[in-house]
Amino acid sequence: MVELVTRNYWWPGVTRDIGRYIEGCDLYQQIKNRMEEVVEKLKLSEVPEKPWTYLTVDFITKLPIVAGKDAILVVCNRLFKMTYFVATTEGTSVEGLVQLFRDNV
């Protein structure tokens, strides 16, 4: 950056002034290459040993109503990488969700 400015301009302390300008520039701070490690290295997650020990459960909501259902219950078994999608409604009670899980998964 200093080289580009000093091709056409020069004044006492030009290098210092350019350095201060660059350090205060938001755009430069966002796009510059970082030399230090920002986060620690990724660690492998544990592999489940038995089926049904590690499950992830999530909901997809605010869907258009089809056949009286407007949400999807998503259950994923981490060992087999199997995913189950169950149509449901947003207003389903806890007992209803347990019954959906028991009957469909």
C-alpha atoms as a PDB file:
ATOM      1  CA  MET A   1       0.000   0.000   0.000  1.00  0.00           C
ATOM      2  CA  VAL A   2       2.835   2.374   0.845  1.00  0.00           C
ATOM      3  CA  GLU A   3       4.396   1.764  -2.557  1.00  0.00           C
ATOM      4  CA  LEU A   4       1.212   2.806  -4.363  1.00  0.00           C
ATOM      5  CA  VAL A   5       1.029   6.121  -2.484  1.00  0.00           C
ATOM      6  CA  THR A   6       4.738   6.955  -2.689  1.00  0.00           C
ATOM      7  CA  ARG A   7       4.722   6.596  -6.481  1.00  0.00           C
ATOM      8  CA  ASN A   8       2.990   9.970  -6.725  1.00  0.00           C
ATOM      9  CA  TYR A   9       3.221  11.556  -3.246  1.00  0.00           C
ATOM     10  CA  TRP A  10       5.698  11.894  -0.432  1.00  0.00           C
ATOM     11  CA  TRP A  11       5.846  13.767   2.895  1.00  0.00           C
ATOM     12  CA  PRO A  12       7.720  13.241   6.148  1.00  0.00           C
ATOM     13  CA  GLY A  13       6.139  10.313   8.015  1.00  0.00           C
ATOM     14  CA  VAL A  14       4.242   8.985   4.967  1.00  0.00           C
ATOM     15  CA  THR A  15       4.770   5.362   6.021  1.00  0.00           C
ATOM     16  CA  ARG A  16       3.506   6.009   9.568  1.00  0.00           C
ATOM     17  CA  ASP A  17       0.451   7.925   8.322  1.00  0.00           C
ATOM     18  CA  ILE A  18      -0.476   5.221   5.828  1.00  0.00           C
ATOM     19  CA  GLY A  19      -0.118   2.555   8.546  1.00  0.00           C
ATOM     20  CA  ARG A  20      -2.459   4.480  10.860  1.00  0.00           C
ATOM     21  CA  TYR A  21      -4.977   4.968   8.067  1.00  0.00           C
ATOM     22  CA  ILE A  22      -4.965   1.267   7.181  1.00  0.00           C
ATOM     23  CA  GLU A  23      -5.331   0.157  10.829  1.00  0.00           C
ATOM     24  CA  GLY A  24      -8.396   2.384  11.163  1.00  0.00           C
ATOM     25  CA  CYS A  25     -10.039   1.252   7.921  1.00  0.00           C
ATOM     26  CA  ASP A  26     -13.008  -1.086   8.586  1.00  0.00           C
ATOM     27  CA  LEU A  27     -12.967  -2.572   5.085  1.00  0.00           C
ATOM     28  CA  TYR A  28      -9.266  -3.437   5.293  1.00  0.00           C
ATOM     29  CA  GLN A  29      -9.726  -5.053   8.717  1.00  0.00           C
ATOM     30  CA  GLN A  30     -12.443  -7.305   7.288  1.00  0.00           C
ATOM     31  CA  ILE A  31     -10.548  -8.481   4.192  1.00  0.00           C
ATOM     32  CA  LYS A  32      -6.938  -8.701   5.333  1.00  0.00           C
ATOM     33  CA  ASN A  33      -5.315 -12.100   5.782  1.00  0.00           C
ATOM     34  CA  ARG A  34      -4.937 -13.135   9.407  1.00  0.00           C
ATOM     35  CA  MET A  35      -1.577 -14.613  10.293  1.00  0.00           C
ATOM     36  CA  GLU A  36      -2.561 -15.868  13.746  1.00  0.00           C
ATOM     37  CA  GLU A  37      -5.002 -18.683  14.418  1.00  0.00           C
ATOM     38  CA  VAL A  38      -8.340 -17.163  15.321  1.00  0.00           C
ATOM     39  CA  VAL A  39      -9.893 -20.329  16.776  1.00  0.00           C
ATOM     40  CA  GLU A  40      -8.528 -23.582  18.038  1.00  0.00           C
ATOM     41  CA  LYS A  41      -8.309 -26.620  15.812  1.00  0.00           C
ATOM     42  CA  LEU A  42     -11.402 -28.685  15.151  1.00  0.00           C
ATOM     43  CA  LYS A  43     -11.863 -31.819  17.203  1.00  0.00           C
ATOM     44  CA  LEU A  44     -13.523 -34.963  15.965  1.00  0.00           C
ATOM     45  CA  SER A  45     -16.805 -35.741  17.633  1.00  0.00           C
ATOM     46  CA  GLU A  46     -17.227 -39.067  19.341  1.00  0.00           C
ATOM     47  CA  VAL A  47     -18.576 -41.912  17.246  1.00  0.00           C
ATOM     48  CA  PRO A  48     -21.655 -43.425  18.907  1.00  0.00           C
ATOM     49  CA  GLU A  49     -21.173 -47.032  19.948  1.00  0.00           C
ATOM     50  CA  LYS A  50     -24.810 -48.137  20.190  1.00  0.00           C
ATOM     51  CA  PRO A  51     -27.816 -47.171  18.085  1.00  0.00           C
ATOM     52  CA  TRP A  52     -30.274 -44.654  19.526  1.00  0.00           C
ATOM     53  CA  THR A  53     -27.779 -43.220  22.013  1.00  0.00           C
ATOM     54  CA  TYR A  54     -27.186 -39.961  20.101  1.00  0.00           C
ATOM     55  CA  LEU A  55     -30.196 -38.381  18.434  1.00  0.00           C
ATOM     56  CA  THR A  56     -30.773 -34.907  17.121  1.00  0.00           C
ATOM     57  CA  VAL A  57     -34.308 -33.563  17.023  1.00  0.00           C
ATOM     58  CA  ASP A  58     -35.450 -30.404  15.284  1.00  0.00           C
ATOM     59  CA  PHE A  59     -38.568 -28.798  13.853  1.00  0.00           C
ATOM     60  CA  ILE A  60     -39.196 -27.148  10.508  1.00  0.00           C
ATOM     61  CA  THR A  61     -42.072 -24.741  11.058  1.00  0.00           C
ATOM     62  CA  LYS A  62     -44.071 -22.006   9.304  1.00  0.00           C
ATOM     63  CA  LEU A  63     -44.757 -24.231   6.300  1.00  0.00           C
ATOM     64  CA  PRO A  64     -47.871 -23.969   4.108  1.00  0.00           C
ATOM     65  CA  ILE A  65     -50.721 -26.115   5.411  1.00  0.00           C
ATOM     66  CA  VAL A  66     -50.996 -29.429   3.565  1.00  0.00           C
ATOM     67  CA  ALA A  67     -53.442 -32.090   4.762  1.00  0.00           C
ATOM     68  CA  GLY A  68     -53.797 -30.182   8.049  1.00  0.00           C
ATOM     69  CA  LYS A  69     -50.044 -30.254   8.793  1.00  0.00           C
ATOM     70  CA  ASP A  70     -47.811 -27.163   8.911  1.00  0.00           C
ATOM     71  CA  ALA A  71     -44.571 -28.416  10.490  1.00  0.00           C
ATOM     72  CA  ILE A  72     -42.087 -31.264  10.183  1.00  0.00           C
ATOM     73  CA  LEU A  73     -40.439 -33.130  13.049  1.00  0.00           C
ATOM     74  CA  VAL A  74     -36.884 -34.134  12.019  1.00  0.00           C
ATOM     75  CA  VAL A  75     -35.140 -36.905  13.984  1.00  0.00           C
ATOM     76  CA  CYS A  76     -31.601 -37.991  13.079  1.00  0.00           C
ATOM     77  CA  ASN A  77     -29.779 -41.053  14.416  1.00  0.00           C
ATOM     78  CA  ARG A  78     -26.062 -40.154  14.409  1.00  0.00           C
ATOM     79  CA  LEU A  79     -24.748 -43.723  14.341  1.00  0.00           C
ATOM     80  CA  PHE A  80     -26.515 -44.799  11.132  1.00  0.00           C
ATOM     81  CA  LYS A  81     -26.953 -41.292   9.736  1.00  0.00           C
ATOM     82  CA  MET A  82     -30.629 -42.049   9.273  1.00  0.00           C
ATOM     83  CA  THR A  83     -33.086 -39.177   9.235  1.00  0.00           C
ATOM     84  CA  TYR A  84     -36.810 -39.414   9.843  1.00  0.00           C
ATOM     85  CA  PHE A  85     -39.257 -36.726   8.728  1.00  0.00           C
ATOM     86  CA  VAL A  86     -42.672 -36.702  10.390  1.00  0.00           C
ATOM     87  CA  ALA A  87     -45.447 -34.297   9.363  1.00  0.00           C
ATOM     88  CA  THR A  88     -47.053 -32.550  12.336  1.00  0.00           C
ATOM     89  CA  THR A  89     -48.546 -29.234  13.432  1.00  0.00           C
ATOM     90  CA  GLU A  90     -46.953 -26.395  15.382  1.00  0.00           C
ATOM     91  CA  GLY A  91     -49.506 -26.727  18.157  1.00  0.00           C
ATOM     92  CA  THR A  92     -48.755 -30.387  18.934  1.00  0.00           C
ATOM     93  CA  SER A  93     -48.476 -31.095  22.663  1.00  0.00           C
ATOM     94  CA  VAL A  94     -45.585 -32.901  24.332  1.00  0.00           C
ATOM     95  CA  GLU A  95     -47.669 -36.045  24.631  1.00  0.00           C
ATOM     96  CA  GLY A  96     -48.500 -35.798  20.928  1.00  0.00           C
ATOM     97  CA  LEU A  97     -44.813 -35.473  20.031  1.00  0.00           C
ATOM     98  CA  VAL A  98     -43.946 -38.515  22.135  1.00  0.00           C
ATOM     99  CA  GLN A  99     -46.649 -40.468  20.334  1.00  0.00           C
ATOM    100  CA  LEU A 100     -45.379 -39.272  16.911  1.00  0.00           C
ATOM    101  CA  PHE A 101     -41.845 -40.307  17.869  1.00  0.00           C
ATOM    102  CA  ARG A 102     -42.992 -43.732  19.100  1.00  0.00           C
ATOM    103  CA  ASP A 103     -45.175 -44.444  16.061  1.00  0.00           C
ATOM    104  CA  ASN A 104     -42.920 -43.106  13.283  1.00  0.00           C
ATOM    105  CA  VAL A 105     -39.357 -43.478  14.451  1.00  0.00           C
END
